[in-house]
Amino acid sequence: MAVWIVAAVVIIVALVVAVSIVGGDDDDESSPPTARVTATQAGDGLTAEQRASILAEAGYPPEPDATTWAAYIRDLKAIDPDIVHGKEEKAVDRGRNQCRSIKDHKGDRTKLVDLTNQRFSSPDHPEGFGLSKASRILDVVHQHLCPTY
């Protein structure tokens, strides 16, 4: 059973990374997460409950509901609209990955701000948005996606 769980986690993490790298420009990312099937959900043979359990065990927060999703995107755009750059799903995925970092590096804000700056980039900001904005992005991620971390 443990081997199966580890294998499933590896597959899911690989898919999340692949989706983050590739981007998915053709998807309508303005729709809430319940309105579409993401690459990490398609074809993995897991139920939604199994997938959620595996991701939770690995330290990732659940996908935000539509209200939380909208508030998160709104607050990121208030910092700088280019953070989202028309790719809401990518911004949510990056935030959920940042939550994993928050869990791993709790108490080390300097490290978390640096990781946030590395993780949140755009074509116009390939090196990130700078430490000041990264600090604000980190706060938005923490507030909306993983407040209990």
N, C-alpha and C. Protein backbone atom coordinates (compact mmCIF):
# COMPACT_ATOMS: atom_id res chain seq x y z
N MET A 1 0.83 -1.19 0.00
CA MET A 1 0.00 0.00 0.00
C MET A 1 0.87 1.26 0.00
N ALA A 2 1.92 1.29 0.83
CA ALA A 2 2.78 2.47 0.91
C ALA A 2 3.48 2.72 -0.42
N VAL A 3 3.89 1.68 -1.12
CA VAL A 3 4.54 1.82 -2.41
C VAL A 3 3.58 2.45 -3.41
N TRP A 4 2.32 2.03 -3.38
CA TRP A 4 1.31 2.57 -4.27
C TRP A 4 1.12 4.06 -4.01
N ILE A 5 1.08 4.45 -2.75
CA ILE A 5 0.88 5.86 -2.40
C ILE A 5 2.07 6.69 -2.86
N VAL A 6 3.27 6.20 -2.63
CA VAL A 6 4.47 6.92 -3.06
C VAL A 6 4.47 7.07 -4.58
N ALA A 7 4.14 6.00 -5.29
CA ALA A 7 4.10 6.07 -6.76
C ALA A 7 3.06 7.07 -7.23
N ALA A 8 1.90 7.07 -6.61
CA ALA A 8 0.85 8.02 -6.99
C ALA A 8 1.28 9.45 -6.72
N VAL A 9 1.94 9.69 -5.60
CA VAL A 9 2.43 11.04 -5.27
C VAL A 9 3.45 11.48 -6.31
N VAL A 10 4.35 10.62 -6.68
CA VAL A 10 5.38 10.95 -7.67
C VAL A 10 4.72 11.31 -9.01
N ILE A 11 3.73 10.54 -9.42
CA ILE A 11 3.04 10.81 -10.68
C ILE A 11 2.32 12.15 -10.61
N ILE A 12 1.63 12.40 -9.52
CA ILE A 12 0.88 13.65 -9.40
C ILE A 12 1.82 14.85 -9.37
N VAL A 13 2.89 14.75 -8.60
CA VAL A 13 3.85 15.86 -8.53
C VAL A 13 4.46 16.11 -9.91
N ALA A 14 4.80 15.05 -10.63
CA ALA A 14 5.36 15.21 -11.97
C ALA A 14 4.36 15.89 -12.91
N LEU A 15 3.11 15.53 -12.80
CA LEU A 15 2.09 16.17 -13.63
C LEU A 15 1.90 17.63 -13.26
N VAL A 16 1.92 17.94 -11.98
CA VAL A 16 1.78 19.33 -11.54
C VAL A 16 2.95 20.16 -12.08
N VAL A 17 4.16 19.62 -11.99
CA VAL A 17 5.33 20.33 -12.50
C VAL A 17 5.21 20.50 -14.01
N ALA A 18 4.80 19.46 -14.72
CA ALA A 18 4.67 19.54 -16.17
C ALA A 18 3.64 20.59 -16.57
N VAL A 19 2.52 20.62 -15.89
CA VAL A 19 1.49 21.62 -16.19
C VAL A 19 2.02 23.01 -15.90
N SER A 20 2.76 23.18 -14.82
CA SER A 20 3.31 24.50 -14.48
C SER A 20 4.31 24.96 -15.53
N ILE A 21 5.10 24.05 -16.07
CA ILE A 21 6.10 24.40 -17.06
C ILE A 21 5.47 24.68 -18.41
N VAL A 22 4.57 23.79 -18.85
CA VAL A 22 3.95 23.92 -20.16
C VAL A 22 2.97 25.08 -20.19
N GLY A 23 2.17 25.22 -19.16
CA GLY A 23 1.30 26.37 -19.06
C GLY A 23 -0.13 26.11 -19.43
N GLY A 24 -0.43 25.58 -20.61
CA GLY A 24 -1.81 25.36 -21.00
C GLY A 24 -2.46 26.63 -21.51
N ASP A 25 -1.86 27.28 -22.51
CA ASP A 25 -2.35 28.55 -23.02
C ASP A 25 -3.73 28.45 -23.64
N ASP A 26 -4.13 27.27 -24.09
CA ASP A 26 -5.41 27.15 -24.76
C ASP A 26 -6.57 26.98 -23.80
N ASP A 27 -6.31 26.74 -22.53
CA ASP A 27 -7.38 26.54 -21.55
C ASP A 27 -7.99 27.86 -21.15
N ASP A 28 -9.29 27.81 -20.83
CA ASP A 28 -9.96 28.97 -20.27
C ASP A 28 -9.72 28.95 -18.78
N GLU A 29 -8.72 29.68 -18.34
CA GLU A 29 -8.33 29.64 -16.94
C GLU A 29 -9.14 30.59 -16.07
N SER A 30 -10.10 31.28 -16.66
CA SER A 30 -10.91 32.18 -15.86
C SER A 30 -12.05 31.46 -15.18
N SER A 31 -12.31 30.22 -15.57
CA SER A 31 -13.38 29.47 -14.93
C SER A 31 -12.87 28.87 -13.63
N PRO A 32 -13.76 28.73 -12.64
CA PRO A 32 -13.33 28.17 -11.36
C PRO A 32 -12.89 26.73 -11.51
N PRO A 33 -12.15 26.21 -10.53
CA PRO A 33 -11.55 24.88 -10.66
C PRO A 33 -12.57 23.76 -10.84
N THR A 34 -13.78 23.92 -10.38
CA THR A 34 -14.76 22.86 -10.51
C THR A 34 -15.32 22.76 -11.93
N ALA A 35 -15.05 23.74 -12.77
CA ALA A 35 -15.63 23.77 -14.10
C ALA A 35 -14.77 23.07 -15.14
N ARG A 36 -13.62 22.58 -14.80
CA ARG A 36 -12.75 21.93 -15.77
C ARG A 36 -11.97 20.80 -15.11
N VAL A 37 -11.46 19.93 -15.93
CA VAL A 37 -10.62 18.84 -15.45
C VAL A 37 -9.18 19.23 -15.75
N THR A 38 -8.34 19.27 -14.74
CA THR A 38 -6.94 19.63 -14.95
C THR A 38 -6.15 18.41 -15.36
N ALA A 39 -4.95 18.64 -15.84
CA ALA A 39 -4.09 17.55 -16.27
C ALA A 39 -3.79 16.58 -15.14
N THR A 40 -3.74 17.08 -13.91
CA THR A 40 -3.43 16.20 -12.79
C THR A 40 -4.61 15.31 -12.43
N GLN A 41 -5.80 15.62 -12.95
CA GLN A 41 -6.97 14.83 -12.64
C GLN A 41 -7.30 13.84 -13.75
N ALA A 42 -6.85 14.09 -14.94
CA ALA A 42 -7.24 13.26 -16.07
C ALA A 42 -6.35 12.03 -16.19
N GLY A 43 -6.96 10.87 -16.27
CA GLY A 43 -6.26 9.65 -16.60
C GLY A 43 -5.35 9.07 -15.54
N ASP A 44 -5.42 9.50 -14.30
CA ASP A 44 -4.52 8.92 -13.30
C ASP A 44 -5.16 7.74 -12.59
N GLY A 45 -6.44 7.47 -12.84
CA GLY A 45 -7.10 6.31 -12.26
C GLY A 45 -7.48 6.46 -10.80
N LEU A 46 -7.32 7.64 -10.23
CA LEU A 46 -7.63 7.87 -8.83
C LEU A 46 -8.98 8.58 -8.71
N THR A 47 -9.66 8.32 -7.62
CA THR A 47 -10.86 9.09 -7.33
C THR A 47 -10.45 10.45 -6.81
N ALA A 48 -11.37 11.38 -6.80
CA ALA A 48 -11.08 12.71 -6.28
C ALA A 48 -10.65 12.62 -4.81
N GLU A 49 -11.28 11.75 -4.06
CA GLU A 49 -10.93 11.59 -2.65
C GLU A 49 -9.53 11.04 -2.48
N GLN A 50 -9.16 10.04 -3.29
CA GLN A 50 -7.81 9.47 -3.22
C GLN A 50 -6.77 10.52 -3.59
N ARG A 51 -7.05 11.27 -4.64
CA ARG A 51 -6.12 12.30 -5.09
C ARG A 51 -5.93 13.35 -4.00
N ALA A 52 -7.04 13.81 -3.42
CA ALA A 52 -6.97 14.82 -2.36
C ALA A 52 -6.20 14.29 -1.16
N SER A 53 -6.41 13.03 -0.82
CA SER A 53 -5.73 12.43 0.31
C SER A 53 -4.21 12.35 0.07
N ILE A 54 -3.83 11.96 -1.12
CA ILE A 54 -2.41 11.86 -1.47
C ILE A 54 -1.75 13.23 -1.43
N LEU A 55 -2.40 14.21 -2.02
CA LEU A 55 -1.84 15.56 -2.03
C LEU A 55 -1.76 16.14 -0.62
N ALA A 56 -2.78 15.90 0.19
CA ALA A 56 -2.76 16.38 1.58
C ALA A 56 -1.62 15.72 2.35
N GLU A 57 -1.44 14.43 2.14
CA GLU A 57 -0.36 13.70 2.80
C GLU A 57 1.01 14.26 2.40
N ALA A 58 1.11 14.73 1.15
CA ALA A 58 2.36 15.30 0.65
C ALA A 58 2.53 16.76 1.09
N GLY A 59 1.50 17.33 1.72
CA GLY A 59 1.62 18.68 2.25
C GLY A 59 0.99 19.77 1.43
N TYR A 60 0.23 19.41 0.40
CA TYR A 60 -0.42 20.42 -0.44
C TYR A 60 -1.83 20.71 0.08
N PRO A 61 -2.24 21.97 0.06
CA PRO A 61 -3.60 22.29 0.48
C PRO A 61 -4.59 21.87 -0.61
N PRO A 62 -5.87 21.76 -0.26
CA PRO A 62 -6.86 21.43 -1.28
C PRO A 62 -7.01 22.57 -2.28
N GLU A 63 -7.57 22.25 -3.46
CA GLU A 63 -7.89 23.31 -4.42
C GLU A 63 -8.86 24.26 -3.76
N PRO A 64 -8.69 25.55 -3.98
CA PRO A 64 -9.61 26.51 -3.37
C PRO A 64 -10.98 26.44 -4.01
N ASP A 65 -12.01 26.76 -3.21
CA ASP A 65 -13.35 26.86 -3.79
C ASP A 65 -13.41 28.13 -4.65
N ALA A 66 -14.51 28.31 -5.36
CA ALA A 66 -14.62 29.42 -6.32
C ALA A 66 -14.46 30.78 -5.64
N THR A 67 -14.99 30.94 -4.45
CA THR A 67 -14.90 32.22 -3.74
C THR A 67 -13.46 32.51 -3.33
N THR A 68 -12.79 31.51 -2.78
CA THR A 68 -11.39 31.68 -2.37
C THR A 68 -10.51 31.91 -3.58
N TRP A 69 -10.77 31.15 -4.65
CA TRP A 69 -10.03 31.30 -5.91
C TRP A 69 -10.10 32.76 -6.37
N ALA A 70 -11.32 33.31 -6.43
CA ALA A 70 -11.51 34.68 -6.93
C ALA A 70 -10.82 35.71 -6.03
N ALA A 71 -10.91 35.53 -4.73
CA ALA A 71 -10.26 36.47 -3.79
C ALA A 71 -8.74 36.41 -3.94
N TYR A 72 -8.20 35.21 -4.08
CA TYR A 72 -6.76 35.01 -4.24
C TYR A 72 -6.27 35.72 -5.51
N ILE A 73 -6.95 35.47 -6.62
CA ILE A 73 -6.56 36.09 -7.89
C ILE A 73 -6.69 37.61 -7.81
N ARG A 74 -7.77 38.10 -7.20
CA ARG A 74 -7.98 39.54 -7.04
C ARG A 74 -6.81 40.17 -6.27
N ASP A 75 -6.41 39.52 -5.18
CA ASP A 75 -5.34 40.08 -4.36
C ASP A 75 -3.97 40.02 -5.06
N LEU A 76 -3.73 38.97 -5.84
CA LEU A 76 -2.48 38.92 -6.61
C LEU A 76 -2.46 40.04 -7.65
N LYS A 77 -3.58 40.23 -8.34
CA LYS A 77 -3.66 41.28 -9.36
C LYS A 77 -3.51 42.67 -8.74
N ALA A 78 -3.94 42.83 -7.50
CA ALA A 78 -3.78 44.12 -6.82
C ALA A 78 -2.31 44.44 -6.57
N ILE A 79 -1.50 43.41 -6.37
CA ILE A 79 -0.05 43.61 -6.21
C ILE A 79 0.55 43.99 -7.55
N ASP A 80 0.24 43.19 -8.58
CA ASP A 80 0.71 43.44 -9.94
C ASP A 80 -0.07 42.51 -10.87
N PRO A 81 -0.82 43.05 -11.82
CA PRO A 81 -1.62 42.20 -12.71
C PRO A 81 -0.79 41.17 -13.47
N ASP A 82 0.49 41.45 -13.68
CA ASP A 82 1.34 40.54 -14.43
C ASP A 82 1.67 39.27 -13.65
N ILE A 83 1.41 39.26 -12.34
CA ILE A 83 1.64 38.03 -11.57
C ILE A 83 0.76 36.91 -12.11
N VAL A 84 -0.48 37.25 -12.43
CA VAL A 84 -1.42 36.27 -12.97
C VAL A 84 -1.27 36.16 -14.48
N HIS A 85 -1.01 37.25 -15.16
CA HIS A 85 -0.83 37.37 -16.61
C HIS A 85 -1.78 36.46 -17.41
N GLY A 86 -3.07 36.49 -16.99
CA GLY A 86 -4.09 35.76 -17.73
C GLY A 86 -4.11 34.26 -17.49
N LYS A 87 -3.33 33.78 -16.54
CA LYS A 87 -3.22 32.34 -16.29
C LYS A 87 -3.55 32.05 -14.84
N GLU A 88 -4.84 32.10 -14.55
CA GLU A 88 -5.29 31.91 -13.17
C GLU A 88 -4.92 30.54 -12.62
N GLU A 89 -5.11 29.50 -13.42
CA GLU A 89 -4.82 28.15 -12.93
C GLU A 89 -3.34 28.02 -12.57
N LYS A 90 -2.48 28.59 -13.39
CA LYS A 90 -1.04 28.55 -13.10
C LYS A 90 -0.73 29.29 -11.80
N ALA A 91 -1.39 30.43 -11.59
CA ALA A 91 -1.18 31.20 -10.36
C ALA A 91 -1.64 30.39 -9.14
N VAL A 92 -2.75 29.68 -9.27
CA VAL A 92 -3.23 28.84 -8.16
C VAL A 92 -2.28 27.67 -7.92
N ASP A 93 -1.84 27.03 -8.99
CA ASP A 93 -0.88 25.92 -8.84
C ASP A 93 0.41 26.38 -8.18
N ARG A 94 0.92 27.53 -8.59
CA ARG A 94 2.13 28.06 -7.98
C ARG A 94 1.90 28.36 -6.50
N GLY A 95 0.72 28.89 -6.20
CA GLY A 95 0.40 29.18 -4.80
C GLY A 95 0.32 27.92 -3.96
N ARG A 96 -0.30 26.88 -4.49
CA ARG A 96 -0.39 25.62 -3.74
C ARG A 96 0.99 25.01 -3.55
N ASN A 97 1.85 25.13 -4.56
CA ASN A 97 3.22 24.66 -4.40
C ASN A 97 3.96 25.50 -3.36
N GLN A 98 3.68 26.80 -3.34
CA GLN A 98 4.31 27.66 -2.33
C GLN A 98 3.84 27.27 -0.94
N CYS A 99 2.59 26.83 -0.82
CA CYS A 99 2.11 26.36 0.48
C CYS A 99 2.95 25.18 0.98
N ARG A 100 3.34 24.32 0.07
CA ARG A 100 4.21 23.19 0.44
C ARG A 100 5.53 23.72 0.99
N SER A 101 6.05 24.78 0.36
CA SER A 101 7.28 25.40 0.85
C SER A 101 7.05 26.04 2.21
N ILE A 102 5.90 26.67 2.40
CA ILE A 102 5.58 27.27 3.70
C ILE A 102 5.61 26.20 4.78
N LYS A 103 5.06 25.05 4.47
CA LYS A 103 5.05 23.96 5.44
C LYS A 103 6.47 23.47 5.72
N ASP A 104 7.30 23.39 4.69
CA ASP A 104 8.67 22.89 4.83
C ASP A 104 9.60 23.88 5.53
N HIS A 105 9.35 25.17 5.36
CA HIS A 105 10.28 26.20 5.85
C HIS A 105 9.60 27.15 6.84
N LYS A 106 8.67 26.63 7.58
CA LYS A 106 7.93 27.46 8.55
C LYS A 106 8.92 28.20 9.45
N GLY A 107 8.69 29.51 9.58
CA GLY A 107 9.54 30.32 10.45
C GLY A 107 10.73 30.95 9.75
N ASP A 108 11.02 30.54 8.51
CA ASP A 108 12.16 31.11 7.78
C ASP A 108 11.62 32.01 6.66
N ARG A 109 11.16 33.19 7.05
CA ARG A 109 10.52 34.10 6.09
C ARG A 109 11.48 34.49 4.96
N THR A 110 12.74 34.69 5.27
CA THR A 110 13.70 35.07 4.23
C THR A 110 13.74 34.00 3.14
N LYS A 111 13.82 32.76 3.53
CA LYS A 111 13.83 31.65 2.57
C LYS A 111 12.52 31.60 1.79
N LEU A 112 11.39 31.79 2.48
CA LEU A 112 10.09 31.73 1.82
C LEU A 112 9.90 32.86 0.82
N VAL A 113 10.37 34.05 1.15
CA VAL A 113 10.27 35.17 0.21
C VAL A 113 11.13 34.88 -1.02
N ASP A 114 12.32 34.35 -0.80
CA ASP A 114 13.20 34.01 -1.92
C ASP A 114 12.54 32.94 -2.81
N LEU A 115 11.96 31.90 -2.21
CA LEU A 115 11.29 30.86 -2.99
C LEU A 115 10.08 31.42 -3.74
N THR A 116 9.36 32.33 -3.10
CA THR A 116 8.21 32.96 -3.76
C THR A 116 8.68 33.75 -4.98
N ASN A 117 9.76 34.49 -4.84
CA ASN A 117 10.29 35.26 -5.96
C ASN A 117 10.74 34.35 -7.10
N GLN A 118 11.27 33.20 -6.78
CA GLN A 118 11.67 32.25 -7.82
C GLN A 118 10.45 31.60 -8.49
N ARG A 119 9.45 31.31 -7.70
CA ARG A 119 8.29 30.55 -8.18
C ARG A 119 7.33 31.41 -9.01
N PHE A 120 7.12 32.64 -8.59
CA PHE A 120 6.17 33.51 -9.28
C PHE A 120 6.93 34.39 -10.27
N SER A 121 6.77 34.07 -11.53
CA SER A 121 7.42 34.82 -12.60
C SER A 121 6.42 34.97 -13.73
N SER A 122 6.82 35.70 -14.75
CA SER A 122 5.99 35.88 -15.93
C SER A 122 6.91 36.16 -17.11
N PRO A 123 6.37 36.16 -18.31
CA PRO A 123 7.23 36.50 -19.45
C PRO A 123 7.90 37.87 -19.31
N ASP A 124 7.20 38.83 -18.70
CA ASP A 124 7.79 40.16 -18.51
C ASP A 124 8.66 40.25 -17.26
N HIS A 125 8.56 39.25 -16.39
CA HIS A 125 9.34 39.21 -15.15
C HIS A 125 9.92 37.79 -14.97
N PRO A 126 10.81 37.37 -15.87
CA PRO A 126 11.31 35.99 -15.82
C PRO A 126 12.15 35.69 -14.58
N GLU A 127 12.66 36.71 -13.92
CA GLU A 127 13.45 36.52 -12.71
C GLU A 127 12.63 36.78 -11.45
N GLY A 128 11.31 36.85 -11.59
CA GLY A 128 10.44 37.13 -10.46
C GLY A 128 10.12 38.61 -10.37
N PHE A 129 9.39 38.98 -9.34
CA PHE A 129 8.88 40.33 -9.19
C PHE A 129 9.64 41.15 -8.15
N GLY A 130 10.73 40.61 -7.66
CA GLY A 130 11.52 41.28 -6.63
C GLY A 130 11.06 40.89 -5.24
N LEU A 131 11.92 41.11 -4.27
CA LEU A 131 11.66 40.63 -2.92
C LEU A 131 10.49 41.35 -2.24
N SER A 132 10.30 42.62 -2.53
CA SER A 132 9.20 43.35 -1.91
C SER A 132 7.85 42.78 -2.35
N LYS A 133 7.67 42.62 -3.65
CA LYS A 133 6.42 42.04 -4.16
C LYS A 133 6.31 40.57 -3.77
N ALA A 134 7.43 39.86 -3.77
CA ALA A 134 7.40 38.44 -3.38
C ALA A 134 6.90 38.29 -1.95
N SER A 135 7.29 39.20 -1.09
CA SER A 135 6.82 39.17 0.30
C SER A 135 5.31 39.34 0.36
N ARG A 136 4.79 40.24 -0.44
CA ARG A 136 3.34 40.46 -0.48
C ARG A 136 2.62 39.27 -1.11
N ILE A 137 3.21 38.69 -2.15
CA ILE A 137 2.63 37.49 -2.77
C ILE A 137 2.57 36.36 -1.76
N LEU A 138 3.65 36.17 -1.02
CA LEU A 138 3.69 35.13 0.02
C LEU A 138 2.55 35.31 1.01
N ASP A 139 2.30 36.54 1.43
CA ASP A 139 1.22 36.80 2.38
C ASP A 139 -0.15 36.45 1.78
N VAL A 140 -0.34 36.76 0.50
CA VAL A 140 -1.61 36.44 -0.17
C VAL A 140 -1.78 34.93 -0.28
N VAL A 141 -0.73 34.23 -0.65
CA VAL A 141 -0.78 32.77 -0.73
C VAL A 141 -1.17 32.19 0.62
N HIS A 142 -0.47 32.60 1.64
CA HIS A 142 -0.70 32.09 2.99
C HIS A 142 -2.12 32.39 3.46
N GLN A 143 -2.57 33.60 3.24
CA GLN A 143 -3.91 34.01 3.68
C GLN A 143 -5.00 33.21 2.99
N HIS A 144 -4.91 33.03 1.69
CA HIS A 144 -6.01 32.44 0.93
C HIS A 144 -5.92 30.93 0.74
N LEU A 145 -4.72 30.41 0.53
CA LEU A 145 -4.60 29.01 0.13
C LEU A 145 -4.22 28.07 1.28
N CYS A 146 -3.49 28.57 2.25
CA CYS A 146 -3.06 27.67 3.33
C CYS A 146 -2.91 28.42 4.66
N PRO A 147 -3.99 29.02 5.13
CA PRO A 147 -3.90 29.82 6.36
C PRO A 147 -3.54 29.02 7.61
N THR A 148 -3.70 27.72 7.58
CA THR A 148 -3.40 26.92 8.77
C THR A 148 -1.95 26.42 8.78
N TYR A 149 -1.18 26.71 7.73
CA TYR A 149 0.21 26.26 7.67
C TYR A 149 1.08 27.20 8.47
